[in-house]
Protein backbone atom coordinates (compact mmCIF):
# COMPACT_ATOMS: atom_id res chain seq x y z
CA UNK A 1 17.13 7.30 -16.09
CA UNK A 2 14.37 8.94 -14.03
CA UNK A 3 12.08 6.09 -13.01
CA UNK A 4 8.78 7.42 -11.65
CA UNK A 5 6.72 4.32 -12.41
CA UNK A 6 6.49 3.22 -8.79
CA UNK A 7 8.36 3.17 -5.48
CA UNK A 8 8.64 -0.60 -6.00
CA UNK A 9 11.57 0.04 -8.36
CA UNK A 10 13.87 1.15 -5.53
CA UNK A 11 17.20 -0.64 -5.24
CA UNK A 12 18.38 -2.05 -1.89
CA UNK A 13 20.80 0.19 -0.02
CA UNK A 14 24.38 -0.79 0.75
CA UNK A 15 23.33 -1.33 4.37
CA UNK A 16 20.69 -3.77 3.15
CA UNK A 17 23.18 -5.64 0.97
CA UNK A 18 25.55 -6.01 3.93
CA UNK A 19 22.71 -7.15 6.18
CA UNK A 20 21.67 -9.71 3.60
CA UNK A 21 25.19 -11.12 3.34
CA UNK A 22 25.58 -11.35 7.11
CA UNK A 23 22.07 -12.57 8.01
CA UNK A 24 21.75 -15.52 10.34
CA UNK A 25 19.21 -17.91 8.82
CA UNK A 26 17.17 -21.03 9.52
CA UNK A 27 14.05 -22.57 8.01
CA UNK A 28 11.15 -20.17 8.45
CA UNK A 29 8.48 -22.81 7.73
CA UNK A 30 9.78 -24.61 10.82
CA UNK A 31 9.80 -21.25 12.60
CA UNK A 32 13.52 -21.31 13.29
CA UNK A 33 14.88 -18.52 11.10
CA UNK A 34 16.10 -16.10 13.78
CA UNK A 35 16.21 -13.08 11.48
CA UNK A 36 12.62 -13.60 10.30
CA UNK A 37 11.51 -14.04 13.89
CA UNK A 38 13.27 -10.82 14.91
CA UNK A 39 11.70 -8.95 11.99
CA UNK A 40 8.23 -10.17 12.88
CA UNK A 41 8.64 -8.96 16.47
CA UNK A 42 9.95 -5.62 15.24
CA UNK A 43 7.11 -5.19 12.72
CA UNK A 44 4.39 -6.10 15.22
CA UNK A 45 5.77 -3.56 17.67
CA UNK A 46 5.92 -0.86 14.98
CA UNK A 47 2.15 -1.04 14.50
CA UNK A 48 1.21 -1.99 18.05
CA UNK A 49 0.06 -5.54 17.39
CA UNK A 50 0.69 -8.80 19.21
CA UNK A 51 2.22 -10.78 16.36
CA UNK A 52 3.29 -10.58 12.72
CA UNK A 53 3.88 -12.81 9.70
CA UNK A 54 6.45 -12.16 6.95
CA UNK A 55 4.99 -12.77 3.48
CA UNK A 56 6.42 -12.42 -0.05
CA UNK A 57 4.09 -9.64 -1.22
CA UNK A 58 1.41 -7.17 -0.25
CA UNK A 59 -1.12 -8.94 -2.44
CA UNK A 60 -0.53 -12.18 -0.56
CA UNK A 61 -0.62 -10.31 2.73
CA UNK A 62 -4.03 -8.86 1.98
CA UNK A 63 -5.35 -12.19 0.73
CA UNK A 64 -4.22 -14.22 3.75
CA UNK A 65 -5.75 -11.52 5.97
CA UNK A 66 -9.12 -11.76 4.25
CA UNK A 67 -9.01 -15.56 4.42
CA UNK A 68 -8.04 -15.48 8.09
CA UNK A 69 -10.96 -13.22 9.02
CA UNK A 70 -13.65 -14.77 6.79
CA UNK A 71 -15.06 -18.06 5.58
CA UNK A 72 -15.95 -18.86 1.97
CA UNK A 73 -19.31 -17.45 0.93
CA UNK A 74 -19.10 -14.41 3.18
CA UNK A 75 -18.79 -10.80 2.04
CA UNK A 76 -16.20 -8.05 2.50
CA UNK A 77 -16.87 -4.32 2.22
CA UNK A 78 -14.22 -2.51 0.15
CA UNK A 79 -13.73 0.90 -1.41
CA UNK A 80 -14.75 1.16 -5.06
CA UNK A 81 -11.28 2.49 -5.87
CA UNK A 82 -9.38 0.15 -3.57
CA UNK A 83 -6.22 -1.70 -4.55
CA UNK A 84 -7.67 -5.03 -3.35
CA UNK A 85 -10.63 -4.62 -5.69
CA UNK A 86 -8.78 -3.33 -8.77
CA UNK A 87 -5.23 -4.66 -8.71
CA UNK A 88 -5.00 -7.94 -6.82
CA UNK A 89 -6.09 -10.24 -9.64
CA UNK A 90 -9.51 -11.01 -8.18
CA UNK A 91 -8.02 -13.25 -5.51
CA UNK A 92 -10.73 -12.15 -3.07
CA UNK A 93 -13.26 -14.09 -5.12
CA UNK A 94 -11.30 -16.61 -7.20
CA UNK A 95 -9.15 -17.89 -4.33
CA UNK A 96 -10.80 -16.80 -1.08
CA UNK A 97 -14.37 -17.38 -2.27
CA UNK A 98 -15.52 -14.06 -0.81
CA UNK A 99 -18.00 -11.55 -2.22
CA UNK A 100 -16.59 -8.02 -2.57
CA UNK A 101 -19.17 -5.33 -1.81
CA UNK A 102 -17.89 -1.94 -2.91
CA UNK A 103 -18.82 1.42 -1.41
CA UNK A 104 -17.79 5.03 -1.98
CA UNK A 105 -14.24 5.81 -0.89
CA UNK A 106 -13.75 9.12 -2.70
CA UNK A 107 -12.72 10.74 0.59
CA UNK A 108 -9.95 8.08 0.80
CA UNK A 109 -11.92 6.33 3.58
CA UNK A 110 -14.97 4.11 3.33
CA UNK A 111 -18.22 6.06 3.45
CA UNK A 112 -19.45 4.92 6.84
CA UNK A 113 -23.14 5.41 6.10
CA UNK A 114 -23.01 3.45 2.86
CA UNK A 115 -20.88 0.75 4.47
CA UNK A 116 -23.28 0.36 7.38
CA UNK A 117 -26.22 0.05 5.01
CA UNK A 118 -24.33 -2.63 3.03
CA UNK A 119 -23.93 -5.00 5.97
CA UNK A 120 -25.85 -8.25 5.57
CA UNK A 121 -26.66 -10.50 8.52
CA UNK A 122 -26.37 -14.25 8.69
CA UNK A 123 -30.02 -14.89 9.45
CA UNK A 124 -31.22 -14.54 5.85
CA UNK A 125 -30.13 -17.38 3.57
CA UNK A 126 -30.36 -15.13 0.50
CA UNK A 127 -27.31 -13.04 1.50
CA UNK A 128 -23.58 -13.50 1.90
CA UNK A 129 -23.03 -12.50 5.55
CA UNK A 130 -20.72 -9.52 5.99
CA UNK A 131 -17.73 -10.23 8.22
CA UNK A 132 -15.09 -7.68 7.33
CA UNK A 133 -14.36 -4.25 5.88
CA UNK A 134 -11.02 -3.14 4.45
CA UNK A 135 -9.47 0.33 4.40
CA UNK A 136 -6.50 1.47 2.29
CA UNK A 137 -4.01 4.01 3.67
CA UNK A 138 -2.41 5.62 1.78
CA UNK A 139 -4.91 5.40 -1.03
CA UNK A 140 -3.24 4.59 -4.34
CA UNK A 141 -5.90 5.44 -6.93
CA UNK A 142 -6.68 8.69 -5.10
CA UNK A 143 -3.15 9.94 -5.54
CA UNK A 144 -1.47 8.52 -2.48
CA UNK A 145 -3.89 10.36 -0.22
CA UNK A 146 -3.28 10.19 3.52
CA UNK A 147 -6.36 10.92 5.65
CA UNK A 148 -5.87 12.22 9.17
CA UNK A 149 -5.38 9.50 11.79
CA UNK A 150 -8.41 10.85 13.65
CA UNK A 151 -10.68 10.54 10.62
CA UNK A 152 -9.38 7.03 9.90
CA UNK A 153 -9.89 5.92 13.50
CA UNK A 154 -13.41 7.33 13.59
CA UNK A 155 -14.44 5.44 10.44
CA UNK A 156 -12.86 2.17 11.56
CA UNK A 157 -14.38 2.36 15.02
CA UNK A 158 -17.85 3.02 13.59
CA UNK A 159 -17.69 -0.17 11.54
CA UNK A 160 -16.17 -2.22 14.34
CA UNK A 161 -19.06 -1.00 16.47
CA UNK A 162 -21.42 -2.55 13.93
CA UNK A 163 -19.80 -5.94 14.51
CA UNK A 164 -17.35 -6.02 11.59
CA UNK A 165 -13.69 -6.91 11.69
CA UNK A 166 -11.45 -4.23 10.15
CA UNK A 167 -8.42 -4.91 7.95
CA UNK A 168 -6.04 -2.12 6.97
CA UNK A 169 -4.29 -2.39 3.62
CA UNK A 170 -1.43 -0.25 4.85
CA UNK A 171 0.97 -0.95 2.01
CA UNK A 172 2.27 2.62 2.44
CA UNK A 173 1.00 3.32 5.95
CA UNK A 174 4.39 4.72 6.98
CA UNK A 175 4.01 7.37 4.29
CA UNK A 176 0.75 8.40 5.92
CA UNK A 177 2.33 8.40 9.38
CA UNK A 178 5.20 10.60 8.22
CA UNK A 179 2.83 12.96 6.40
CA UNK A 180 0.87 13.56 9.63
CA UNK A 181 3.82 13.34 12.03
CA UNK A 182 2.47 10.36 13.95
CA UNK A 183 3.41 6.74 14.60
CA UNK A 184 2.05 4.06 12.29
CA UNK A 185 0.27 2.79 15.40
CA UNK A 186 -2.13 5.73 15.06
CA UNK A 187 -3.52 4.16 11.87
CA UNK A 188 -3.11 0.50 12.75
CA UNK A 189 -4.47 0.72 16.29
CA UNK A 190 -8.21 0.72 15.45
CA UNK A 191 -7.81 -2.14 12.95
CA UNK A 192 -7.94 -5.85 13.75
CA UNK A 193 -5.19 -6.54 11.22
CA UNK A 194 -2.79 -4.53 9.10
CA UNK A 195 -0.59 -5.35 6.14
CA UNK A 196 2.34 -3.14 5.17
CA UNK A 197 5.06 -3.41 2.53
CA UNK A 198 8.81 -3.18 2.89
CA UNK A 199 9.37 -3.20 -0.89
CA UNK A 200 7.81 0.18 -1.75
CA UNK A 201 8.99 3.45 -0.21
CA UNK A 202 10.87 1.56 2.50
CA UNK A 203 13.12 0.28 -0.31
CA UNK A 204 13.66 -3.38 0.61
CA UNK A 205 13.92 -5.72 -2.40
CA UNK A 206 11.11 -8.11 -1.36
CA UNK A 207 8.50 -8.59 1.30
CA UNK A 208 5.50 -7.45 3.29
CA UNK A 209 4.13 -8.28 6.71
CA UNK A 210 0.71 -9.03 8.20
CA UNK A 211 0.14 -8.01 11.82
CA UNK A 212 -2.63 -8.70 14.32
CA UNK A 213 -3.44 -10.86 17.32
CA UNK A 214 -1.54 -14.08 17.96
CA UNK A 215 -4.61 -16.10 17.05
CA UNK A 216 -5.09 -14.19 13.80
CA UNK A 217 -1.44 -14.61 12.78
CA UNK A 218 -1.61 -18.34 13.49
CA UNK A 219 -4.49 -18.64 11.01
CA UNK A 220 -2.65 -16.42 8.54
CA UNK A 221 0.42 -18.66 8.75
CA UNK A 222 -1.63 -21.62 7.58
CA UNK A 223 -3.16 -19.66 4.70
CA UNK A 224 0.30 -18.41 3.70
CA UNK A 225 1.34 -22.04 3.36
CA UNK A 226 -1.78 -22.90 1.34
CA UNK A 227 -0.99 -20.06 -1.06
CA UNK A 228 2.60 -21.22 -1.53
CA UNK A 229 4.12 -18.43 0.54
CA UNK A 230 6.09 -20.56 2.99
CA UNK A 231 9.71 -19.47 2.60
CA UNK A 232 12.79 -21.26 3.87
CA UNK A 233 16.02 -19.33 4.56
CA UNK A 234 14.09 -16.06 4.31
CA UNK A 235 16.34 -14.30 6.79
CA UNK A 236 18.35 -12.86 3.92
CA UNK A 237 15.21 -10.93 2.91
CA UNK A 238 14.06 -10.20 6.45
CA UNK A 239 17.42 -8.59 7.17
CA UNK A 240 16.74 -6.01 4.47
CA UNK A 241 13.28 -5.37 5.88
CA UNK A 242 14.76 -4.72 9.33
CA UNK A 243 16.98 -2.06 7.78
CA UNK A 244 13.84 -0.59 6.22
CA UNK A 245 12.21 -0.14 9.62
CA UNK A 246 15.38 1.20 11.24
CA UNK A 247 16.65 3.51 8.51
CA UNK A 248 14.09 4.21 5.78
CA UNK A 249 10.98 5.52 7.52
CA UNK A 250 12.08 9.02 8.50
CA UNK A 251 13.53 9.73 5.06
CA UNK A 252 10.08 9.33 3.45
CA UNK A 253 9.64 13.06 4.08
CA UNK A 254 12.12 13.64 1.23
CA UNK A 255 9.89 11.73 -1.18
CA UNK A 256 6.89 13.77 -0.06
CA UNK A 257 8.76 17.04 -0.57
CA UNK A 258 9.85 15.93 -4.04
CA UNK A 259 6.26 15.00 -4.89
CA UNK A 260 5.13 18.47 -3.80
CA UNK A 261 7.81 20.09 -5.99
CA UNK A 262 6.76 17.81 -8.86
CA UNK A 263 3.08 18.71 -8.47
CA UNK A 264 3.82 22.45 -8.25
CA UNK A 265 6.03 22.37 -11.34
CA UNK A 266 3.50 20.38 -13.37
CA UNK A 267 0.81 22.92 -12.47
CA UNK A 268 2.73 25.37 -14.67
CA UNK A 269 2.70 23.08 -17.70
CA UNK A 270 0.05 23.96 -20.25
CA UNK A 271 -2.44 21.17 -20.90
CA UNK A 272 -1.76 19.41 -17.59
CA UNK A 273 -4.28 19.25 -14.74
CA UNK A 274 -2.73 18.04 -11.51
CA UNK A 275 -5.22 16.20 -9.34
CA UNK A 276 -5.85 17.62 -5.89
CA UNK A 277 -6.04 15.60 -2.70
CA UNK A 278 -9.45 14.73 -1.24
CA UNK A 279 -10.55 17.22 1.42
CA UNK A 280 -8.74 16.63 4.70
CA UNK A 281 -6.01 14.46 3.15
CA UNK A 282 -2.31 15.15 2.68
CA UNK A 283 -0.18 14.33 -0.36
CA UNK A 284 2.51 11.72 0.10
CA UNK A 285 4.76 10.41 -2.69
CA UNK A 286 2.37 10.29 -5.65
CA UNK A 287 1.25 12.80 -8.26
CA UNK A 288 -1.58 12.09 -10.68
CA UNK A 289 -2.38 14.39 -13.58
CA UNK A 290 -4.72 14.33 -16.54
CA UNK A 291 -4.24 15.67 -20.04
CA UNK A 292 -6.53 17.83 -22.11
CA UNK A 293 -6.92 16.39 -25.61
CA UNK A 294 -3.67 14.42 -25.57
CA UNK A 295 -2.87 10.70 -25.34
CA UNK A 296 -1.23 9.86 -22.02
CA UNK A 297 0.15 6.58 -23.32
CA UNK A 298 1.79 8.29 -26.28
CA UNK A 299 3.30 10.83 -23.90
CA UNK A 300 4.68 8.06 -21.69
CA UNK A 301 6.24 6.33 -24.69
CA UNK A 302 7.90 9.54 -25.92
CA UNK A 303 9.25 10.40 -22.47
CA UNK A 304 10.58 6.86 -21.98
CA UNK A 305 12.75 7.31 -25.07
CA UNK A 306 14.37 10.22 -23.23
CA UNK A 307 14.88 8.27 -20.01
CA UNK A 308 11.85 9.48 -18.04
CA UNK A 309 9.61 6.57 -17.07
CA UNK A 310 6.08 6.78 -15.69
CA UNK A 311 2.75 4.98 -16.02
CA UNK A 312 -0.21 6.09 -18.08
CA UNK A 313 -3.03 4.56 -16.04
CA UNK A 314 -5.70 5.48 -18.60
CA UNK A 315 -5.75 7.17 -22.03
CA UNK A 316 -5.74 10.57 -20.32
CA UNK A 317 -4.35 9.98 -16.82
CA UNK A 318 -0.76 9.69 -15.59
CA UNK A 319 0.76 8.56 -12.28
CA UNK A 320 4.18 9.61 -11.05
CA UNK A 321 5.74 8.18 -7.86
CA UNK A 322 8.74 9.61 -6.02
CA UNK A 323 11.14 7.44 -4.01
CA UNK A 324 14.68 7.31 -2.65
CA UNK A 325 16.27 6.82 -6.08
CA UNK A 326 14.75 10.04 -7.48
CA UNK A 327 16.47 13.30 -6.54
CA UNK A 328 15.11 16.85 -6.66
CA UNK A 329 17.15 17.50 -9.82
CA UNK A 330 15.69 14.38 -11.44
CA UNK A 331 12.16 15.55 -10.60
CA UNK A 332 12.77 18.88 -12.32
CA UNK A 333 14.34 17.15 -15.32
CA UNK A 334 11.26 14.95 -15.60
CA UNK A 335 8.98 17.98 -15.69
CA UNK A 336 11.14 19.54 -18.41
CA UNK A 337 10.94 16.40 -20.57
CA UNK A 338 7.18 16.03 -20.00
CA UNK A 339 6.58 19.63 -21.03
CA UNK A 340 8.71 19.36 -24.16
CA UNK A 341 7.20 16.06 -25.28
CA UNK A 342 3.68 17.25 -24.56
CA UNK A 343 4.25 20.23 -26.86
CA UNK A 344 5.54 17.86 -29.55
CA UNK A 345 2.50 15.56 -29.41
């Protein structure tokens, strides 16, 4: 089986399984799970923040961040193609009571000019006051694009200068850091808060973390409880996440190299158009391609029957994601199957 649906399908490593079995635990809602506490310190340090909060998922991490920065009836500036806007079940509005205001993010970053012009003040009762903007690095719907840390910092600082708080949806921020050869702090530093996932390319079975100031994390802890995210003996999961930070970051370069090989090989397949990165961005572990006159969903179904799994994200568009459980040989086998099944369609 070659599973290219997502890097969320990764299996925990043997080191993670041992760490889980040996983890010292307590009750995290009481704050006395020593392994969770150690993970939170480790995660905060990794992105240069004062404190951190372990949460079950990236979706919850983003939601508690928005709720911790904003009050109901306020607005948040997001990218039109952002994960928060498209794939987090509308929690920003249905649960948090916030108004999403979308702007162009085709460069992978918020368009600063459009974002600045979208800010609404609190002195006019007709508007939902703008409190926050959210960036996404790497950018999922733009092919896992990683903008340069300098470009990201410039955009974030411009919006902070206009009085907004900045949240970074950094689900795969370590992919971006590896792609540019920098620390994750380079991306997280200009943001007031950052969420990142252990359960994607870092290969842990469960969990994400929200990082920011101590005051911010205290508010986030309450919202985590409101949303049902208070976990008990969560140290068994936190132990895996600690292995992720110690052992799984540097190896992300292998996933990026396999994605490059995958993209190059697909370029040679007739009827396939591999999507390029936005200008100034680097590819990480995703490859998107579109088909000319063929049904992407039918292609996905045919390939699945031969053990090659991937997602058709529209009738003509496909996403492939590399990760630790996909080897170079498996990547090349996937291209072979895709080419053969595309000819048969």
